[in-house]
């Protein structure tokens, strides 16, 4: 589930081509942090919706 969400977020941020071409390691710290922050927010929101 995390990988799918990460790919969706990367696509929304316009980074999916870069990830597909060169892998996750090619992202800058800022780009990775942005994806991680959005992922954390979405996971937290999903957990609240379940409870």
PDB file of N, CA and C in Angstrom:
ATOM      1  N   UNK A   1       0.817  -1.193   0.000  1.00  0.00           N
ATOM      2  CA  UNK A   1       0.000   0.000   0.000  1.00  0.00           C
ATOM      3  C   UNK A   1       0.866   1.263   0.000  1.00  0.00           C
ATOM      4  N   UNK A   2       1.935   1.261   0.788  1.00  0.00           N
ATOM      5  CA  UNK A   2       2.811   2.429   0.838  1.00  0.00           C
ATOM      6  C   UNK A   2       3.437   2.731  -0.515  1.00  0.00           C
ATOM      7  N   UNK A   3       3.880   1.678  -1.213  1.00  0.00           N
ATOM      8  CA  UNK A   3       4.511   1.897  -2.510  1.00  0.00           C
ATOM      9  C   UNK A   3       3.533   2.496  -3.512  1.00  0.00           C
ATOM     10  N   UNK A   4       2.300   2.000  -3.491  1.00  0.00           N
ATOM     11  CA  UNK A   4       1.280   2.533  -4.399  1.00  0.00           C
ATOM     12  C   UNK A   4       1.018   3.999  -4.091  1.00  0.00           C
ATOM     13  N   UNK A   5       0.908   4.317  -2.802  1.00  0.00           N
ATOM     14  CA  UNK A   5       0.654   5.702  -2.404  1.00  0.00           C
ATOM     15  C   UNK A   5       1.834   6.599  -2.773  1.00  0.00           C
ATOM     16  N   UNK A   6       3.045   6.091  -2.581  1.00  0.00           N
ATOM     17  CA  UNK A   6       4.234   6.875  -2.944  1.00  0.00           C
ATOM     18  C   UNK A   6       4.244   7.187  -4.437  1.00  0.00           C
ATOM     19  N   UNK A   7       3.896   6.207  -5.249  1.00  0.00           N
ATOM     20  CA  UNK A   7       3.853   6.430  -6.693  1.00  0.00           C
ATOM     21  C   UNK A   7       2.773   7.443  -7.062  1.00  0.00           C
ATOM     22  N   UNK A   8       1.623   7.364  -6.418  1.00  0.00           N
ATOM     23  CA  UNK A   8       0.545   8.318  -6.682  1.00  0.00           C
ATOM     24  C   UNK A   8       0.980   9.744  -6.331  1.00  0.00           C
ATOM     25  N   UNK A   9       1.638   9.888  -5.199  1.00  0.00           N
ATOM     26  CA  UNK A   9       2.097  11.207  -4.762  1.00  0.00           C
ATOM     27  C   UNK A   9       3.178  11.729  -5.701  1.00  0.00           C
ATOM     28  N   UNK A  10       4.105  10.867  -6.093  1.00  0.00           N
ATOM     29  CA  UNK A  10       5.156  11.262  -7.032  1.00  0.00           C
ATOM     30  C   UNK A  10       4.538  11.747  -8.343  1.00  0.00           C
ATOM     31  N   UNK A  11       3.497  11.059  -8.781  1.00  0.00           N
ATOM     32  CA  UNK A  11       2.824  11.474 -10.016  1.00  0.00           C
ATOM     33  C   UNK A  11       2.177  12.844  -9.833  1.00  0.00           C
ATOM     34  N   UNK A  12       1.521  13.057  -8.706  1.00  0.00           N
ATOM     35  CA  UNK A  12       0.873  14.343  -8.438  1.00  0.00           C
ATOM     36  C   UNK A  12       1.879  15.488  -8.409  1.00  0.00           C
ATOM     37  N   UNK A  13       3.077  15.199  -7.926  1.00  0.00           N
ATOM     38  CA  UNK A  13       4.110  16.231  -7.826  1.00  0.00           C
ATOM     39  C   UNK A  13       4.934  16.370  -9.108  1.00  0.00           C
ATOM     40  N   UNK A  14       4.618  15.547 -10.103  1.00  0.00           N
ATOM     41  CA  UNK A  14       5.351  15.616 -11.367  1.00  0.00           C
ATOM     42  C   UNK A  14       6.715  14.945 -11.320  1.00  0.00           C
ATOM     43  N   UNK A  15       6.899  14.013 -10.396  1.00  0.00           N
ATOM     44  CA  UNK A  15       8.188  13.351 -10.221  1.00  0.00           C
ATOM     45  C   UNK A  15       8.191  11.902 -10.696  1.00  0.00           C
ATOM     46  N   UNK A  16       7.072  11.415 -11.171  1.00  0.00           N
ATOM     47  CA  UNK A  16       6.968  10.002 -11.526  1.00  0.00           C
ATOM     48  C   UNK A  16       7.925   9.614 -12.654  1.00  0.00           C
ATOM     49  N   UNK A  17       8.061  10.457 -13.661  1.00  0.00           N
ATOM     50  CA  UNK A  17       8.985  10.157 -14.764  1.00  0.00           C
ATOM     51  C   UNK A  17      10.406  10.017 -14.251  1.00  0.00           C
ATOM     52  N   UNK A  18      10.798  10.914 -13.379  1.00  0.00           N
ATOM     53  CA  UNK A  18      12.148  10.882 -12.814  1.00  0.00           C
ATOM     54  C   UNK A  18      12.357   9.597 -12.019  1.00  0.00           C
ATOM     55  N   UNK A  19      11.377   9.209 -11.227  1.00  0.00           N
ATOM     56  CA  UNK A  19      11.467   7.989 -10.424  1.00  0.00           C
ATOM     57  C   UNK A  19      11.544   6.769 -11.332  1.00  0.00           C
ATOM     58  N   UNK A  20      10.709   6.731 -12.362  1.00  0.00           N
ATOM     59  CA  UNK A  20      10.709   5.598 -13.275  1.00  0.00           C
ATOM     60  C   UNK A  20      12.014   5.495 -14.061  1.00  0.00           C
ATOM     61  N   UNK A  21      12.584   6.636 -14.427  1.00  0.00           N
ATOM     62  CA  UNK A  21      13.795   6.641 -15.240  1.00  0.00           C
ATOM     63  C   UNK A  21      15.043   6.313 -14.431  1.00  0.00           C
ATOM     64  N   UNK A  22      15.134   6.873 -13.223  1.00  0.00           N
ATOM     65  CA  UNK A  22      16.391   6.745 -12.482  1.00  0.00           C
ATOM     66  C   UNK A  22      16.246   6.187 -11.071  1.00  0.00           C
ATOM     67  N   UNK A  23      15.030   5.904 -10.634  1.00  0.00           N
ATOM     68  CA  UNK A  23      14.814   5.313  -9.317  1.00  0.00           C
ATOM     69  C   UNK A  23      14.612   6.348  -8.228  1.00  0.00           C
ATOM     70  N   UNK A  24      14.195   5.846  -7.070  1.00  0.00           N
ATOM     71  CA  UNK A  24      13.904   6.719  -5.927  1.00  0.00           C
ATOM     72  C   UNK A  24      15.150   7.437  -5.427  1.00  0.00           C
ATOM     73  N   UNK A  25      16.319   6.828  -5.576  1.00  0.00           N
ATOM     74  CA  UNK A  25      17.561   7.427  -5.070  1.00  0.00           C
ATOM     75  C   UNK A  25      17.945   8.702  -5.807  1.00  0.00           C
ATOM     76  N   UNK A  26      17.364   8.927  -6.973  1.00  0.00           N
ATOM     77  CA  UNK A  26      17.701  10.122  -7.750  1.00  0.00           C
ATOM     78  C   UNK A  26      16.991  11.374  -7.249  1.00  0.00           C
ATOM     79  N   UNK A  27      16.011  11.208  -6.366  1.00  0.00           N
ATOM     80  CA  UNK A  27      15.286  12.361  -5.839  1.00  0.00           C
ATOM     81  C   UNK A  27      16.152  13.141  -4.858  1.00  0.00           C
ATOM     82  N   UNK A  28      15.933  14.434  -4.824  1.00  0.00           N
ATOM     83  CA  UNK A  28      16.641  15.257  -3.849  1.00  0.00           C
ATOM     84  C   UNK A  28      16.014  15.051  -2.477  1.00  0.00           C
ATOM     85  N   UNK A  29      16.702  15.502  -1.453  1.00  0.00           N
ATOM     86  CA  UNK A  29      16.176  15.387  -0.088  1.00  0.00           C
ATOM     87  C   UNK A  29      14.857  16.151   0.033  1.00  0.00           C
ATOM     88  N   UNK A  30      14.772  17.279  -0.619  1.00  0.00           N
ATOM     89  CA  UNK A  30      13.553  18.090  -0.578  1.00  0.00           C
ATOM     90  C   UNK A  30      12.383  17.346  -1.218  1.00  0.00           C
ATOM     91  N   UNK A  31      12.634  16.719  -2.368  1.00  0.00           N
ATOM     92  CA  UNK A  31      11.583  15.971  -3.061  1.00  0.00           C
ATOM     93  C   UNK A  31      11.139  14.758  -2.235  1.00  0.00           C
ATOM     94  N   UNK A  32      12.105  14.048  -1.688  1.00  0.00           N
ATOM     95  CA  UNK A  32      11.787  12.872  -0.865  1.00  0.00           C
ATOM     96  C   UNK A  32      11.016  13.278   0.386  1.00  0.00           C
ATOM     97  N   UNK A  33      11.428  14.355   0.992  1.00  0.00           N
ATOM     98  CA  UNK A  33      10.751  14.856   2.190  1.00  0.00           C
ATOM     99  C   UNK A  33       9.327  15.271   1.903  1.00  0.00           C
ATOM    100  N   UNK A  34       9.123  15.877   0.768  1.00  0.00           N
ATOM    101  CA  UNK A  34       7.768  16.291   0.372  1.00  0.00           C
ATOM    102  C   UNK A  34       6.868  15.071   0.215  1.00  0.00           C
ATOM    103  N   UNK A  35       7.380  14.055  -0.472  1.00  0.00           N
ATOM    104  CA  UNK A  35       6.611  12.819  -0.657  1.00  0.00           C
ATOM    105  C   UNK A  35       6.328  12.177   0.698  1.00  0.00           C
ATOM    106  N   UNK A  36       7.341  12.101   1.551  1.00  0.00           N
ATOM    107  CA  UNK A  36       7.176  11.496   2.869  1.00  0.00           C
ATOM    108  C   UNK A  36       6.168  12.243   3.732  1.00  0.00           C
ATOM    109  N   UNK A  37       6.196  13.555   3.669  1.00  0.00           N
ATOM    110  CA  UNK A  37       5.263  14.365   4.445  1.00  0.00           C
ATOM    111  C   UNK A  37       3.825  14.166   4.004  1.00  0.00           C
ATOM    112  N   UNK A  38       3.620  14.162   2.706  1.00  0.00           N
ATOM    113  CA  UNK A  38       2.273  13.953   2.170  1.00  0.00           C
ATOM    114  C   UNK A  38       1.801  12.549   2.500  1.00  0.00           C
ATOM    115  N   UNK A  39       2.694  11.564   2.374  1.00  0.00           N
ATOM    116  CA  UNK A  39       2.355  10.173   2.692  1.00  0.00           C
ATOM    117  C   UNK A  39       1.927  10.041   4.152  1.00  0.00           C
ATOM    118  N   UNK A  40       2.675  10.660   5.046  1.00  0.00           N
ATOM    119  CA  UNK A  40       2.352  10.593   6.474  1.00  0.00           C
ATOM    120  C   UNK A  40       0.988  11.223   6.758  1.00  0.00           C
ATOM    121  N   UNK A  41       0.714  12.369   6.133  1.00  0.00           N
ATOM    122  CA  UNK A  41      -0.572  13.032   6.330  1.00  0.00           C
ATOM    123  C   UNK A  41      -1.731  12.162   5.848  1.00  0.00           C
ATOM    124  N   UNK A  42      -1.544  11.556   4.690  1.00  0.00           N
ATOM    125  CA  UNK A  42      -2.618  10.714   4.137  1.00  0.00           C
ATOM    126  C   UNK A  42      -2.856   9.480   4.993  1.00  0.00           C
ATOM    127  N   UNK A  43      -1.776   8.872   5.485  1.00  0.00           N
ATOM    128  CA  UNK A  43      -1.928   7.702   6.325  1.00  0.00           C
ATOM    129  C   UNK A  43      -2.655   8.055   7.617  1.00  0.00           C
ATOM    130  N   UNK A  44      -2.313   9.192   8.192  1.00  0.00           N
ATOM    131  CA  UNK A  44      -2.952   9.655   9.420  1.00  0.00           C
ATOM    132  C   UNK A  44      -4.442   9.924   9.166  1.00  0.00           C
ATOM    133  N   UNK A  45      -4.736  10.545   8.033  1.00  0.00           N
ATOM    134  CA  UNK A  45      -6.121  10.837   7.675  1.00  0.00           C
ATOM    135  C   UNK A  45      -6.915   9.541   7.480  1.00  0.00           C
ATOM    136  N   UNK A  46      -6.288   8.544   6.848  1.00  0.00           N
ATOM    137  CA  UNK A  46      -6.952   7.253   6.634  1.00  0.00           C
ATOM    138  C   UNK A  46      -7.220   6.547   7.961  1.00  0.00           C
ATOM    139  N   UNK A  47      -6.275   6.622   8.888  1.00  0.00           N
ATOM    140  CA  UNK A  47      -6.456   5.991  10.197  1.00  0.00           C
ATOM    141  C   UNK A  47      -7.615   6.637  10.955  1.00  0.00           C
ATOM    142  N   UNK A  48      -7.730   7.949  10.865  1.00  0.00           N
ATOM    143  CA  UNK A  48      -8.829   8.651  11.528  1.00  0.00           C
ATOM    144  C   UNK A  48     -10.166   8.245  10.923  1.00  0.00           C
ATOM    145  N   UNK A  49     -10.197   8.066   9.614  1.00  0.00           N
ATOM    146  CA  UNK A  49     -11.437   7.711   8.917  1.00  0.00           C
ATOM    147  C   UNK A  49     -11.905   6.316   9.323  1.00  0.00           C
ATOM    148  N   UNK A  50     -10.975   5.427   9.638  1.00  0.00           N
ATOM    149  CA  UNK A  50     -11.312   4.051  10.001  1.00  0.00           C
ATOM    150  C   UNK A  50     -11.883   3.988  11.416  1.00  0.00           C
ATOM    151  N   UNK A  51     -11.379   4.829  12.297  1.00  0.00           N
ATOM    152  CA  UNK A  51     -11.836   4.789  13.694  1.00  0.00           C
ATOM    153  C   UNK A  51     -13.062   5.621  13.933  1.00  0.00           C
TER     154      UNK A  51
END
